[in-house]
Protein backbone atom coordinates (compact mmCIF):
# COMPACT_ATOMS: atom_id res chain seq x y z
CA UNK A 1 -0.17 0.16 0.21
CA UNK A 2 1.81 3.18 -1.44
CA UNK A 3 0.52 6.57 -0.34
CA UNK A 4 0.30 9.58 -2.33
CA UNK A 5 2.93 12.86 -1.60
CA UNK A 6 0.23 15.07 -1.31
CA UNK A 7 -2.02 12.67 1.03
CA UNK A 8 -0.70 13.03 4.57
CA UNK A 9 0.03 10.96 7.62
CA UNK A 10 -3.82 10.95 9.27
CA UNK A 11 -5.59 11.69 6.84
CA UNK A 12 -8.24 9.06 6.20
CA UNK A 13 -10.35 8.51 3.08
CA UNK A 14 -12.60 6.33 5.27
CA UNK A 15 -15.66 7.66 6.70
CA UNK A 16 -15.25 6.71 10.21
CA UNK A 17 -11.72 7.62 10.16
CA UNK A 18 -12.55 10.58 8.91
CA UNK A 19 -14.86 11.35 11.71
CA UNK A 20 -12.71 11.32 13.81
CA UNK A 21 -10.58 13.71 15.75
CA UNK A 22 -7.34 14.70 14.32
CA UNK A 23 -4.74 13.69 17.14
CA UNK A 24 -7.05 9.71 17.14
CA UNK A 25 -4.77 9.51 13.92
CA UNK A 26 -1.26 10.95 14.71
CA UNK A 27 1.68 8.56 14.59
CA UNK A 28 3.00 6.55 17.76
CA UNK A 29 4.74 8.54 19.66
CA UNK A 30 8.52 7.00 19.80
CA UNK A 31 10.81 5.96 22.78
CA UNK A 32 13.22 8.22 24.13
CA UNK A 33 16.58 7.37 24.68
CA UNK A 34 16.91 7.18 28.00
CA UNK A 35 14.22 4.83 28.14
CA UNK A 36 15.38 2.30 25.64
CA UNK A 37 18.70 2.52 27.59
CA UNK A 38 16.67 1.54 30.74
CA UNK A 39 14.86 -1.02 28.66
CA UNK A 40 18.17 -3.07 27.07
CA UNK A 41 19.80 -2.84 31.14
CA UNK A 42 16.41 -4.67 32.15
CA UNK A 43 16.36 -7.22 29.15
CA UNK A 44 19.91 -7.75 30.05
CA UNK A 45 19.37 -8.13 33.96
CA UNK A 46 15.90 -11.13 33.48
CA UNK A 47 18.18 -12.96 31.33
CA UNK A 48 21.13 -13.23 33.51
CA UNK A 49 19.02 -13.86 36.35
CA UNK A 50 18.59 -17.19 37.46
CA UNK A 51 14.28 -17.59 38.15
CA UNK A 52 13.46 -20.95 36.76
CA UNK A 53 12.14 -22.75 39.60
CA UNK A 54 13.15 -26.86 40.20
CA UNK A 55 11.57 -29.41 38.17
CA UNK A 56 8.97 -31.45 39.39
CA UNK A 57 9.05 -34.36 40.61
CA UNK A 58 6.81 -36.65 39.83
CA UNK A 59 7.06 -39.17 42.90
CA UNK A 60 6.42 -36.18 45.00
CA UNK A 61 3.22 -35.90 43.56
CA UNK A 62 -0.05 -37.25 45.39
CA UNK A 63 -2.94 -38.33 44.93
CA UNK A 64 -4.51 -35.27 46.91
CA UNK A 65 -3.14 -33.21 44.49
CA UNK A 66 -4.13 -34.90 42.07
CA UNK A 67 -7.80 -34.49 43.22
CA UNK A 68 -7.32 -31.18 44.09
CA UNK A 69 -6.31 -30.38 40.36
CA UNK A 70 -9.45 -32.92 39.25
CA UNK A 71 -11.42 -31.09 42.00
CA UNK A 72 -10.52 -27.52 40.27
CA UNK A 73 -10.56 -28.58 36.74
CA UNK A 74 -13.91 -29.24 36.51
CA UNK A 75 -15.17 -26.66 38.53
CA UNK A 76 -13.97 -24.36 36.36
CA UNK A 77 -15.21 -26.86 33.45
CA UNK A 78 -19.20 -26.33 34.79
CA UNK A 79 -18.69 -22.74 35.31
CA UNK A 80 -17.96 -22.07 31.45
CA UNK A 81 -20.28 -24.40 30.09
CA UNK A 82 -22.67 -22.26 32.34
CA UNK A 83 -21.80 -19.19 31.42
CA UNK A 84 -22.02 -20.53 27.31
CA UNK A 85 -25.31 -21.81 28.33
């Protein structure tokens, strides 16, 4: 999709877009350099952080854990079915 040189950003040909105020069609703001640097630092710190939990040991799962899971699963299932119906 190409724009003609006479068409400015934010102009609209569609009737709904044409009815919107000019500020609703403005270009999205760009991040300031300080914000970009902070986002990069946060990304690096997140990669370096050890946030993974230990793997689940299947031998430690009890029958009560299984019952609790199935109870919650069935309750959510029936609640969603009641909402849809």
